[in-house]
Amino acid sequence: MVAVRAYIGLGANVGDARATLTAAVHALAALPGASLAGVSRLYMTAPVEVTDQPEFHNAVVALDVPAGPGANTGPIALLLALKSIERALGRQDRYRYGPRELDLDLLLFGEERMAVERPEAGLSPDPAKATRLLEVPHPEVGRRLFVLAPLADLAPDLVPPGWAESVDQARSRRESIEGASAVRAIAGWDAEGRRWVETPVAS
């Protein structure tokens, strides 16, 4: 089956966030048919929207995954896998933008552009999310430095579908708005040790 490069945002600020994100990377790499293509540096980032909460740990993973047998099937299958990993690693339902044991967001899925409305009844993976069950590219990617900074580690020159600028250009633009102190890299991914280490290493 054809493989597609997907980018997944990781975030946590409850419990041992670093250990949880490390476990999430391992779980993503173990998904059927998936291949880990890259892991960003680990960042500490200021919370947005709801600011009265601890800082977040954030990262982005590049994952090569099956495209799926038909339109939209690949992104939806991956979304369901992400929600399963969240639950397995202790995710609790809370209010939107609130604290998170683990947040996994499908940011990009190849050149796919799609939006799936959340059904009024039936499957609802996360009631704290927006009204859309899935939208790719994720609508918040270009507006959040905590996503753009780690994404730029992996794909600085990428121009996502529907964008007029590269990921790194968007990162620079958001940094001028939010300030460089809004995110700070604290560790690099050690591919051999399969963990983040304080001294950044090539992945």
N, C-alpha and C. Protein backbone atom coordinates (compact mmCIF):
# COMPACT_ATOMS: atom_id res chain seq x y z
N MET A 1 0.84 -1.20 0.00
CA MET A 1 0.00 0.00 0.00
C MET A 1 0.87 1.26 0.00
N VAL A 2 0.42 2.29 -0.64
CA VAL A 2 1.16 3.55 -0.72
C VAL A 2 1.29 4.17 0.67
N ALA A 3 2.48 4.69 0.98
CA ALA A 3 2.72 5.35 2.26
C ALA A 3 2.62 6.86 2.10
N VAL A 4 2.17 7.51 3.15
CA VAL A 4 2.01 8.97 3.19
C VAL A 4 2.74 9.50 4.42
N ARG A 5 3.41 10.64 4.27
CA ARG A 5 4.08 11.27 5.41
C ARG A 5 3.06 12.10 6.20
N ALA A 6 2.88 11.72 7.44
CA ALA A 6 1.99 12.45 8.34
C ALA A 6 2.83 13.12 9.42
N TYR A 7 2.35 14.25 9.90
CA TYR A 7 3.00 14.95 11.00
C TYR A 7 2.01 15.03 12.15
N ILE A 8 2.47 14.65 13.33
CA ILE A 8 1.61 14.56 14.50
C ILE A 8 2.19 15.42 15.61
N GLY A 9 1.36 16.28 16.17
CA GLY A 9 1.77 17.12 17.28
C GLY A 9 1.53 16.41 18.60
N LEU A 10 2.50 16.51 19.51
CA LEU A 10 2.40 15.89 20.82
C LEU A 10 2.46 16.98 21.89
N GLY A 11 1.63 16.87 22.91
CA GLY A 11 1.66 17.82 24.00
C GLY A 11 1.19 17.18 25.30
N ALA A 12 1.73 17.67 26.42
CA ALA A 12 1.33 17.19 27.74
C ALA A 12 1.80 18.18 28.79
N ASN A 13 1.00 18.32 29.85
CA ASN A 13 1.44 19.14 30.99
C ASN A 13 0.90 18.62 32.32
N VAL A 14 0.46 17.36 32.34
CA VAL A 14 -0.02 16.73 33.56
C VAL A 14 0.83 15.49 33.83
N GLY A 15 1.26 15.30 35.06
CA GLY A 15 2.06 14.14 35.40
C GLY A 15 3.47 14.26 34.84
N ASP A 16 4.10 13.11 34.57
CA ASP A 16 5.45 13.10 34.01
C ASP A 16 5.34 13.26 32.50
N ALA A 17 5.21 14.52 32.07
CA ALA A 17 4.92 14.81 30.67
C ALA A 17 5.99 14.27 29.73
N ARG A 18 7.23 14.39 30.12
CA ARG A 18 8.32 13.93 29.24
C ARG A 18 8.25 12.42 29.04
N ALA A 19 8.00 11.68 30.12
CA ALA A 19 7.90 10.22 30.01
C ALA A 19 6.69 9.83 29.16
N THR A 20 5.59 10.57 29.32
CA THR A 20 4.39 10.28 28.54
C THR A 20 4.62 10.51 27.07
N LEU A 21 5.28 11.62 26.72
CA LEU A 21 5.54 11.89 25.31
C LEU A 21 6.51 10.88 24.72
N THR A 22 7.48 10.43 25.50
CA THR A 22 8.39 9.39 25.03
C THR A 22 7.62 8.11 24.74
N ALA A 23 6.73 7.74 25.64
CA ALA A 23 5.90 6.54 25.43
C ALA A 23 5.01 6.71 24.21
N ALA A 24 4.53 7.93 23.98
CA ALA A 24 3.68 8.18 22.81
C ALA A 24 4.47 8.00 21.52
N VAL A 25 5.71 8.46 21.48
CA VAL A 25 6.55 8.27 20.29
C VAL A 25 6.71 6.78 20.01
N HIS A 26 6.99 5.99 21.05
CA HIS A 26 7.15 4.55 20.89
C HIS A 26 5.86 3.92 20.37
N ALA A 27 4.72 4.37 20.90
CA ALA A 27 3.43 3.82 20.46
C ALA A 27 3.14 4.18 19.01
N LEU A 28 3.47 5.39 18.61
CA LEU A 28 3.27 5.79 17.21
C LEU A 28 4.13 4.95 16.28
N ALA A 29 5.38 4.72 16.66
CA ALA A 29 6.29 3.94 15.83
C ALA A 29 5.82 2.50 15.70
N ALA A 30 5.04 2.03 16.67
CA ALA A 30 4.58 0.64 16.68
C ALA A 30 3.24 0.44 15.98
N LEU A 31 2.64 1.50 15.47
CA LEU A 31 1.36 1.35 14.78
C LEU A 31 1.52 0.46 13.55
N PRO A 32 0.53 -0.38 13.25
CA PRO A 32 0.63 -1.28 12.10
C PRO A 32 0.88 -0.53 10.79
N GLY A 33 1.89 -0.94 10.07
CA GLY A 33 2.21 -0.34 8.78
C GLY A 33 2.91 0.99 8.86
N ALA A 34 3.23 1.47 10.08
CA ALA A 34 3.84 2.78 10.25
C ALA A 34 5.35 2.68 10.36
N SER A 35 6.02 3.77 9.98
CA SER A 35 7.47 3.86 10.09
C SER A 35 7.84 5.24 10.61
N LEU A 36 8.58 5.29 11.70
CA LEU A 36 8.97 6.56 12.28
C LEU A 36 9.99 7.25 11.38
N ALA A 37 9.66 8.45 10.92
CA ALA A 37 10.52 9.17 9.98
C ALA A 37 11.29 10.31 10.62
N GLY A 38 10.92 10.71 11.83
CA GLY A 38 11.62 11.80 12.49
C GLY A 38 10.91 12.24 13.75
N VAL A 39 11.70 12.75 14.69
CA VAL A 39 11.17 13.28 15.95
C VAL A 39 11.84 14.62 16.21
N SER A 40 11.06 15.63 16.49
CA SER A 40 11.59 16.97 16.72
C SER A 40 12.30 17.04 18.07
N ARG A 41 12.91 18.17 18.30
CA ARG A 41 13.36 18.47 19.66
C ARG A 41 12.15 18.55 20.59
N LEU A 42 12.43 18.43 21.87
CA LEU A 42 11.39 18.58 22.90
C LEU A 42 11.40 20.02 23.38
N TYR A 43 10.22 20.62 23.44
CA TYR A 43 10.09 22.02 23.80
C TYR A 43 9.27 22.20 25.07
N MET A 44 9.61 23.21 25.84
CA MET A 44 8.73 23.72 26.89
C MET A 44 8.04 24.95 26.31
N THR A 45 6.73 25.00 26.45
CA THR A 45 5.98 26.07 25.81
C THR A 45 4.95 26.67 26.75
N ALA A 46 4.72 27.95 26.59
CA ALA A 46 3.72 28.63 27.40
C ALA A 46 2.32 28.20 26.97
N PRO A 47 1.40 27.98 27.94
CA PRO A 47 0.03 27.63 27.55
C PRO A 47 -0.65 28.79 26.84
N VAL A 48 -1.59 28.46 25.96
CA VAL A 48 -2.35 29.48 25.24
C VAL A 48 -3.82 29.33 25.58
N GLU A 49 -4.56 30.40 25.35
CA GLU A 49 -6.00 30.46 25.63
C GLU A 49 -6.26 30.39 27.13
N VAL A 50 -6.04 29.24 27.74
CA VAL A 50 -6.17 29.08 29.20
C VAL A 50 -4.76 29.11 29.77
N THR A 51 -4.36 30.26 30.30
CA THR A 51 -2.96 30.45 30.69
C THR A 51 -2.67 30.08 32.13
N ASP A 52 -3.71 29.86 32.95
CA ASP A 52 -3.51 29.52 34.36
C ASP A 52 -3.35 28.00 34.50
N GLN A 53 -2.24 27.50 33.99
CA GLN A 53 -1.92 26.07 34.06
C GLN A 53 -0.43 25.92 33.80
N PRO A 54 0.13 24.75 34.11
CA PRO A 54 1.58 24.58 33.91
C PRO A 54 1.97 24.67 32.44
N GLU A 55 3.26 24.93 32.22
CA GLU A 55 3.80 24.90 30.87
C GLU A 55 3.62 23.51 30.27
N PHE A 56 3.59 23.48 28.95
CA PHE A 56 3.47 22.22 28.23
C PHE A 56 4.84 21.73 27.75
N HIS A 57 4.95 20.42 27.63
CA HIS A 57 6.00 19.82 26.81
C HIS A 57 5.37 19.57 25.44
N ASN A 58 6.07 19.97 24.38
CA ASN A 58 5.55 19.78 23.03
C ASN A 58 6.61 19.23 22.11
N ALA A 59 6.17 18.47 21.12
CA ALA A 59 7.06 17.93 20.09
C ALA A 59 6.22 17.60 18.87
N VAL A 60 6.89 17.25 17.78
CA VAL A 60 6.21 16.79 16.57
C VAL A 60 6.92 15.54 16.07
N VAL A 61 6.13 14.59 15.60
CA VAL A 61 6.66 13.35 15.04
C VAL A 61 6.28 13.28 13.56
N ALA A 62 7.23 12.86 12.73
CA ALA A 62 6.95 12.56 11.32
C ALA A 62 6.79 11.05 11.23
N LEU A 63 5.67 10.61 10.64
CA LEU A 63 5.35 9.20 10.60
C LEU A 63 4.88 8.83 9.19
N ASP A 64 5.51 7.84 8.60
CA ASP A 64 5.05 7.33 7.30
C ASP A 64 4.01 6.25 7.58
N VAL A 65 2.80 6.46 7.05
CA VAL A 65 1.66 5.58 7.35
C VAL A 65 0.95 5.19 6.06
N PRO A 66 0.16 4.11 6.10
CA PRO A 66 -0.60 3.73 4.90
C PRO A 66 -1.58 4.82 4.49
N ALA A 67 -1.67 5.05 3.19
CA ALA A 67 -2.58 6.08 2.67
C ALA A 67 -4.04 5.70 2.87
N GLY A 68 -4.32 4.41 2.96
CA GLY A 68 -5.70 3.96 3.09
C GLY A 68 -6.28 3.55 1.75
N PRO A 69 -7.30 2.70 1.77
CA PRO A 69 -7.86 2.18 0.51
C PRO A 69 -8.75 3.15 -0.24
N GLY A 70 -9.22 4.20 0.40
CA GLY A 70 -10.13 5.13 -0.28
C GLY A 70 -9.99 6.53 0.28
N ALA A 71 -10.73 7.47 -0.29
CA ALA A 71 -10.67 8.87 0.13
C ALA A 71 -10.96 9.01 1.62
N ASN A 72 -10.11 9.73 2.30
CA ASN A 72 -10.25 10.07 3.72
C ASN A 72 -10.01 8.90 4.67
N THR A 73 -9.87 7.69 4.17
CA THR A 73 -9.76 6.56 5.08
C THR A 73 -8.45 6.56 5.86
N GLY A 74 -7.35 6.98 5.21
CA GLY A 74 -6.07 7.02 5.89
C GLY A 74 -6.06 7.99 7.06
N PRO A 75 -6.44 9.27 6.84
CA PRO A 75 -6.45 10.21 7.96
C PRO A 75 -7.39 9.79 9.09
N ILE A 76 -8.56 9.25 8.75
CA ILE A 76 -9.51 8.86 9.80
C ILE A 76 -8.97 7.68 10.59
N ALA A 77 -8.37 6.71 9.90
CA ALA A 77 -7.79 5.57 10.60
C ALA A 77 -6.68 6.03 11.54
N LEU A 78 -5.86 6.98 11.09
CA LEU A 78 -4.79 7.48 11.94
C LEU A 78 -5.36 8.25 13.12
N LEU A 79 -6.38 9.06 12.89
CA LEU A 79 -7.01 9.79 13.99
C LEU A 79 -7.49 8.83 15.07
N LEU A 80 -8.17 7.77 14.69
CA LEU A 80 -8.68 6.81 15.66
C LEU A 80 -7.53 6.15 16.42
N ALA A 81 -6.42 5.89 15.73
CA ALA A 81 -5.25 5.32 16.40
C ALA A 81 -4.67 6.29 17.42
N LEU A 82 -4.65 7.58 17.06
CA LEU A 82 -4.13 8.60 17.99
C LEU A 82 -4.99 8.67 19.25
N LYS A 83 -6.31 8.62 19.08
CA LYS A 83 -7.20 8.68 20.23
C LYS A 83 -7.05 7.45 21.11
N SER A 84 -6.79 6.31 20.51
CA SER A 84 -6.56 5.10 21.27
C SER A 84 -5.29 5.20 22.10
N ILE A 85 -4.22 5.76 21.50
CA ILE A 85 -2.98 5.95 22.24
C ILE A 85 -3.19 6.93 23.39
N GLU A 86 -3.90 8.02 23.14
CA GLU A 86 -4.19 8.98 24.20
C GLU A 86 -4.84 8.30 25.40
N ARG A 87 -5.87 7.51 25.13
CA ARG A 87 -6.58 6.84 26.23
C ARG A 87 -5.68 5.85 26.95
N ALA A 88 -4.89 5.10 26.18
CA ALA A 88 -4.00 4.11 26.77
C ALA A 88 -2.96 4.74 27.69
N LEU A 89 -2.58 5.97 27.39
CA LEU A 89 -1.56 6.66 28.18
C LEU A 89 -2.17 7.63 29.19
N GLY A 90 -3.46 7.49 29.47
CA GLY A 90 -4.06 8.19 30.61
C GLY A 90 -4.80 9.46 30.32
N ARG A 91 -5.09 9.76 29.05
CA ARG A 91 -5.81 10.99 28.72
C ARG A 91 -7.18 11.01 29.39
N GLN A 92 -7.49 12.14 30.05
CA GLN A 92 -8.79 12.37 30.67
C GLN A 92 -9.49 13.51 29.93
N ASP A 93 -10.80 13.39 29.78
CA ASP A 93 -11.57 14.45 29.12
C ASP A 93 -11.67 15.66 30.03
N ARG A 94 -11.27 16.81 29.50
CA ARG A 94 -11.37 18.05 30.23
C ARG A 94 -11.87 19.13 29.27
N TYR A 95 -11.96 20.35 29.79
CA TYR A 95 -12.41 21.47 28.96
C TYR A 95 -11.35 21.80 27.91
N ARG A 96 -11.82 22.41 26.83
CA ARG A 96 -10.93 22.73 25.72
C ARG A 96 -9.83 23.69 26.15
N TYR A 97 -8.63 23.42 25.66
CA TYR A 97 -7.41 24.18 25.96
C TYR A 97 -6.94 24.00 27.41
N GLY A 98 -7.54 23.06 28.14
CA GLY A 98 -7.15 22.84 29.52
C GLY A 98 -5.96 21.90 29.63
N PRO A 99 -5.62 21.51 30.86
CA PRO A 99 -4.49 20.59 31.08
C PRO A 99 -4.70 19.27 30.36
N ARG A 100 -3.59 18.63 30.02
CA ARG A 100 -3.64 17.39 29.25
C ARG A 100 -2.57 16.40 29.76
N GLU A 101 -3.01 15.16 30.02
CA GLU A 101 -2.03 14.09 30.22
C GLU A 101 -1.31 13.82 28.92
N LEU A 102 -2.07 13.88 27.82
CA LEU A 102 -1.49 13.67 26.49
C LEU A 102 -2.45 14.21 25.44
N ASP A 103 -1.89 14.94 24.49
CA ASP A 103 -2.66 15.44 23.35
C ASP A 103 -1.90 15.05 22.09
N LEU A 104 -2.56 14.32 21.20
CA LEU A 104 -1.99 13.94 19.92
C LEU A 104 -2.86 14.52 18.82
N ASP A 105 -2.30 15.41 18.03
CA ASP A 105 -3.05 16.07 16.96
C ASP A 105 -2.47 15.71 15.60
N LEU A 106 -3.33 15.29 14.70
CA LEU A 106 -2.92 15.05 13.32
C LEU A 106 -2.82 16.41 12.63
N LEU A 107 -1.59 16.83 12.36
CA LEU A 107 -1.35 18.15 11.79
C LEU A 107 -1.45 18.16 10.27
N LEU A 108 -0.76 17.20 9.64
CA LEU A 108 -0.71 17.12 8.18
C LEU A 108 -0.73 15.65 7.78
N PHE A 109 -1.35 15.38 6.64
CA PHE A 109 -1.40 14.03 6.10
C PHE A 109 -1.11 14.12 4.61
N GLY A 110 0.17 14.11 4.27
CA GLY A 110 0.58 14.27 2.88
C GLY A 110 0.03 15.57 2.29
N GLU A 111 -0.56 15.48 1.12
CA GLU A 111 -1.17 16.63 0.46
C GLU A 111 -2.67 16.69 0.70
N GLU A 112 -3.13 15.90 1.65
CA GLU A 112 -4.57 15.80 1.90
C GLU A 112 -5.13 17.11 2.45
N ARG A 113 -6.29 17.48 1.91
CA ARG A 113 -7.08 18.59 2.47
C ARG A 113 -8.50 18.05 2.67
N MET A 114 -8.95 18.03 3.91
CA MET A 114 -10.26 17.45 4.19
C MET A 114 -10.79 17.97 5.51
N ALA A 115 -12.09 17.90 5.65
CA ALA A 115 -12.75 18.25 6.90
C ALA A 115 -13.92 17.30 7.10
N VAL A 116 -13.99 16.72 8.28
CA VAL A 116 -15.06 15.80 8.63
C VAL A 116 -15.78 16.37 9.85
N GLU A 117 -17.07 16.66 9.69
CA GLU A 117 -17.84 17.21 10.79
C GLU A 117 -18.07 16.15 11.85
N ARG A 118 -18.09 16.57 13.10
CA ARG A 118 -18.37 15.64 14.19
C ARG A 118 -19.83 15.22 14.14
N PRO A 119 -20.12 13.93 14.19
CA PRO A 119 -21.52 13.49 14.18
C PRO A 119 -22.23 13.93 15.44
N GLU A 120 -23.52 14.22 15.32
CA GLU A 120 -24.29 14.63 16.49
C GLU A 120 -24.45 13.49 17.48
N ALA A 121 -24.43 12.27 16.97
CA ALA A 121 -24.51 11.11 17.83
C ALA A 121 -23.50 10.09 17.33
N GLY A 122 -23.13 9.17 18.19
CA GLY A 122 -22.20 8.13 17.79
C GLY A 122 -20.79 8.43 18.26
N LEU A 123 -19.81 8.04 17.45
CA LEU A 123 -18.42 8.14 17.85
C LEU A 123 -18.01 9.59 18.07
N SER A 124 -17.44 9.86 19.24
CA SER A 124 -16.95 11.19 19.57
C SER A 124 -15.67 11.01 20.38
N PRO A 125 -14.52 10.91 19.73
CA PRO A 125 -13.28 10.60 20.43
C PRO A 125 -12.92 11.57 21.54
N ASP A 126 -13.26 12.83 21.40
CA ASP A 126 -12.86 13.81 22.40
C ASP A 126 -13.85 14.95 22.44
N PRO A 127 -14.79 14.93 23.39
CA PRO A 127 -15.81 15.98 23.43
C PRO A 127 -15.26 17.36 23.75
N ALA A 128 -14.01 17.45 24.19
CA ALA A 128 -13.43 18.76 24.47
C ALA A 128 -12.90 19.44 23.22
N LYS A 129 -12.91 18.73 22.11
CA LYS A 129 -12.38 19.29 20.88
C LYS A 129 -13.41 20.19 20.19
N ALA A 130 -12.98 20.76 19.07
CA ALA A 130 -13.85 21.62 18.29
C ALA A 130 -14.95 20.80 17.62
N THR A 131 -15.86 21.49 16.92
CA THR A 131 -17.01 20.82 16.34
C THR A 131 -16.64 19.86 15.22
N ARG A 132 -15.48 20.07 14.58
CA ARG A 132 -15.05 19.15 13.53
C ARG A 132 -14.30 17.97 14.13
N LEU A 133 -14.67 16.79 13.69
CA LEU A 133 -14.01 15.58 14.14
C LEU A 133 -12.57 15.55 13.66
N LEU A 134 -12.36 15.99 12.42
CA LEU A 134 -11.03 15.98 11.83
C LEU A 134 -10.94 17.02 10.74
N GLU A 135 -9.83 17.75 10.74
CA GLU A 135 -9.54 18.69 9.65
C GLU A 135 -8.05 18.68 9.41
N VAL A 136 -7.66 18.42 8.16
CA VAL A 136 -6.25 18.48 7.78
C VAL A 136 -6.11 19.32 6.52
N PRO A 137 -5.07 20.19 6.49
CA PRO A 137 -4.17 20.48 7.60
C PRO A 137 -4.93 20.98 8.84
N HIS A 138 -4.39 20.67 9.99
CA HIS A 138 -5.01 21.13 11.23
C HIS A 138 -5.11 22.65 11.21
N PRO A 139 -6.29 23.22 11.51
CA PRO A 139 -6.47 24.67 11.36
C PRO A 139 -5.62 25.51 12.29
N GLU A 140 -5.08 24.92 13.36
CA GLU A 140 -4.29 25.70 14.32
C GLU A 140 -2.80 25.70 14.01
N VAL A 141 -2.36 24.89 13.05
CA VAL A 141 -0.92 24.74 12.82
C VAL A 141 -0.24 26.09 12.56
N GLY A 142 -0.78 26.87 11.66
CA GLY A 142 -0.15 28.13 11.29
C GLY A 142 -0.29 29.23 12.30
N ARG A 143 -1.07 28.98 13.37
CA ARG A 143 -1.33 30.03 14.37
C ARG A 143 -0.70 29.74 15.72
N ARG A 144 0.03 28.63 15.82
CA ARG A 144 0.56 28.23 17.12
C ARG A 144 2.07 27.99 17.03
N LEU A 145 2.83 28.79 17.74
CA LEU A 145 4.28 28.63 17.73
C LEU A 145 4.69 27.31 18.37
N PHE A 146 3.92 26.83 19.34
CA PHE A 146 4.28 25.56 19.99
C PHE A 146 4.15 24.38 19.03
N VAL A 147 3.45 24.55 17.93
CA VAL A 147 3.39 23.54 16.87
C VAL A 147 4.43 23.83 15.80
N LEU A 148 4.53 25.08 15.39
CA LEU A 148 5.42 25.46 14.29
C LEU A 148 6.89 25.25 14.62
N ALA A 149 7.29 25.51 15.85
CA ALA A 149 8.70 25.37 16.21
C ALA A 149 9.17 23.92 16.05
N PRO A 150 8.49 22.94 16.66
CA PRO A 150 8.95 21.55 16.44
C PRO A 150 8.72 21.05 15.02
N LEU A 151 7.65 21.51 14.37
CA LEU A 151 7.42 21.10 12.98
C LEU A 151 8.54 21.61 12.08
N ALA A 152 9.04 22.82 12.36
CA ALA A 152 10.14 23.38 11.58
C ALA A 152 11.43 22.61 11.78
N ASP A 153 11.58 21.91 12.90
CA ASP A 153 12.74 21.05 13.09
C ASP A 153 12.78 19.95 12.03
N LEU A 154 11.60 19.46 11.66
CA LEU A 154 11.50 18.30 10.76
C LEU A 154 11.30 18.68 9.31
N ALA A 155 10.57 19.76 9.06
CA ALA A 155 10.20 20.10 7.68
C ALA A 155 10.16 21.60 7.49
N PRO A 156 11.28 22.30 7.63
CA PRO A 156 11.26 23.76 7.55
C PRO A 156 10.81 24.30 6.21
N ASP A 157 11.14 23.60 5.12
CA ASP A 157 10.83 24.10 3.79
C ASP A 157 9.48 23.62 3.25
N LEU A 158 8.79 22.81 4.02
CA LEU A 158 7.50 22.29 3.58
C LEU A 158 6.47 23.41 3.49
N VAL A 159 5.73 23.44 2.39
CA VAL A 159 4.59 24.35 2.24
C VAL A 159 3.34 23.48 2.31
N PRO A 160 2.65 23.47 3.45
CA PRO A 160 1.47 22.61 3.59
C PRO A 160 0.38 22.97 2.58
N PRO A 161 -0.49 22.04 2.27
CA PRO A 161 -1.60 22.31 1.35
C PRO A 161 -2.42 23.52 1.76
N GLY A 162 -2.61 24.44 0.81
CA GLY A 162 -3.39 25.64 1.08
C GLY A 162 -2.62 26.79 1.68
N TRP A 163 -1.34 26.58 2.00
CA TRP A 163 -0.52 27.64 2.57
C TRP A 163 0.18 28.44 1.47
N ALA A 164 0.54 29.68 1.81
CA ALA A 164 1.30 30.52 0.89
C ALA A 164 2.72 30.75 1.40
N GLU A 165 3.10 30.04 2.45
CA GLU A 165 4.43 30.19 3.03
C GLU A 165 4.90 28.84 3.55
N SER A 166 6.21 28.74 3.78
CA SER A 166 6.77 27.51 4.31
C SER A 166 6.54 27.44 5.81
N VAL A 167 6.77 26.25 6.36
CA VAL A 167 6.65 26.07 7.81
C VAL A 167 7.60 27.00 8.55
N ASP A 168 8.83 27.11 8.07
CA ASP A 168 9.80 27.96 8.78
C ASP A 168 9.44 29.44 8.67
N GLN A 169 8.89 29.85 7.54
CA GLN A 169 8.43 31.24 7.42
C GLN A 169 7.29 31.51 8.39
N ALA A 170 6.39 30.56 8.52
CA ALA A 170 5.29 30.71 9.46
C ALA A 170 5.81 30.73 10.89
N ARG A 171 6.82 29.90 11.18
CA ARG A 171 7.42 29.91 12.52
C ARG A 171 8.01 31.28 12.84
N SER A 172 8.74 31.85 11.90
CA SER A 172 9.35 33.17 12.13
C SER A 172 8.27 34.23 12.35
N ARG A 173 7.21 34.15 11.57
CA ARG A 173 6.11 35.12 11.70
C ARG A 173 5.46 35.00 13.09
N ARG A 174 5.19 33.79 13.53
CA ARG A 174 4.54 33.61 14.83
C ARG A 174 5.49 33.98 15.96
N GLU A 175 6.78 33.74 15.79
CA GLU A 175 7.74 34.10 16.82
C GLU A 175 7.79 35.62 17.00
N SER A 176 7.63 36.36 15.91
CA SER A 176 7.61 37.82 16.02
C SER A 176 6.36 38.31 16.75
N ILE A 177 5.32 37.51 16.76
CA ILE A 177 4.07 37.87 17.44
C ILE A 177 4.09 37.41 18.89
N GLU A 178 4.45 36.14 19.11
CA GLU A 178 4.37 35.56 20.44
C GLU A 178 5.63 35.80 21.27
N GLY A 179 6.74 36.07 20.60
CA GLY A 179 8.01 36.24 21.30
C GLY A 179 8.77 34.94 21.38
N ALA A 180 10.09 35.03 21.26
CA ALA A 180 10.93 33.83 21.25
C ALA A 180 10.82 33.05 22.55
N SER A 181 10.48 33.72 23.65
CA SER A 181 10.42 33.05 24.95
C SER A 181 9.18 32.15 25.10
N ALA A 182 8.27 32.22 24.14
CA ALA A 182 7.06 31.40 24.24
C ALA A 182 7.36 29.92 24.08
N VAL A 183 8.45 29.60 23.42
CA VAL A 183 8.88 28.20 23.28
C VAL A 183 10.39 28.13 23.50
N ARG A 184 10.85 27.06 24.09
CA ARG A 184 12.29 26.87 24.25
C ARG A 184 12.61 25.37 24.17
N ALA A 185 13.57 25.04 23.34
CA ALA A 185 13.99 23.65 23.17
C ALA A 185 14.78 23.23 24.40
N ILE A 186 14.45 22.04 24.94
CA ILE A 186 15.14 21.56 26.14
C ILE A 186 15.88 20.25 25.90
N ALA A 187 15.61 19.57 24.78
CA ALA A 187 16.27 18.30 24.53
C ALA A 187 16.15 17.92 23.07
N GLY A 188 17.08 17.10 22.60
CA GLY A 188 17.04 16.57 21.25
C GLY A 188 16.75 15.08 21.28
N TRP A 189 16.19 14.56 20.21
CA TRP A 189 15.82 13.15 20.15
C TRP A 189 17.03 12.29 19.81
N ASP A 190 17.31 11.30 20.65
CA ASP A 190 18.35 10.32 20.41
C ASP A 190 17.70 9.11 19.76
N ALA A 191 17.87 8.95 18.44
CA ALA A 191 17.19 7.88 17.72
C ALA A 191 17.63 6.50 18.19
N GLU A 192 18.91 6.37 18.56
CA GLU A 192 19.40 5.07 18.99
C GLU A 192 18.85 4.71 20.37
N GLY A 193 18.85 5.68 21.27
CA GLY A 193 18.33 5.44 22.61
C GLY A 193 16.83 5.56 22.72
N ARG A 194 16.20 6.09 21.65
CA ARG A 194 14.75 6.25 21.57
C ARG A 194 14.22 7.09 22.73
N ARG A 195 14.89 8.21 22.95
CA ARG A 195 14.47 9.12 24.01
C ARG A 195 15.07 10.50 23.74
N TRP A 196 14.54 11.49 24.43
CA TRP A 196 15.11 12.83 24.35
C TRP A 196 16.26 12.94 25.33
N VAL A 197 17.33 13.62 24.90
CA VAL A 197 18.47 13.86 25.76
C VAL A 197 18.78 15.35 25.75
N GLU A 198 19.39 15.82 26.85
CA GLU A 198 19.58 17.25 26.99
C GLU A 198 20.51 17.84 25.93
N THR A 199 21.49 17.09 25.49
CA THR A 199 22.37 17.55 24.42
C THR A 199 21.78 17.13 23.09
N PRO A 200 21.30 18.07 22.27
CA PRO A 200 20.67 17.67 21.01
C PRO A 200 21.60 16.82 20.15
N VAL A 201 21.00 15.79 19.55
CA VAL A 201 21.77 14.91 18.67
C VAL A 201 21.04 14.81 17.35
N ALA A 202 21.75 14.42 16.31
CA ALA A 202 21.11 14.23 15.02
C ALA A 202 20.15 13.06 15.09
N SER A 203 18.99 13.23 14.48
CA SER A 203 18.00 12.15 14.50
C SER A 203 17.97 11.40 13.17
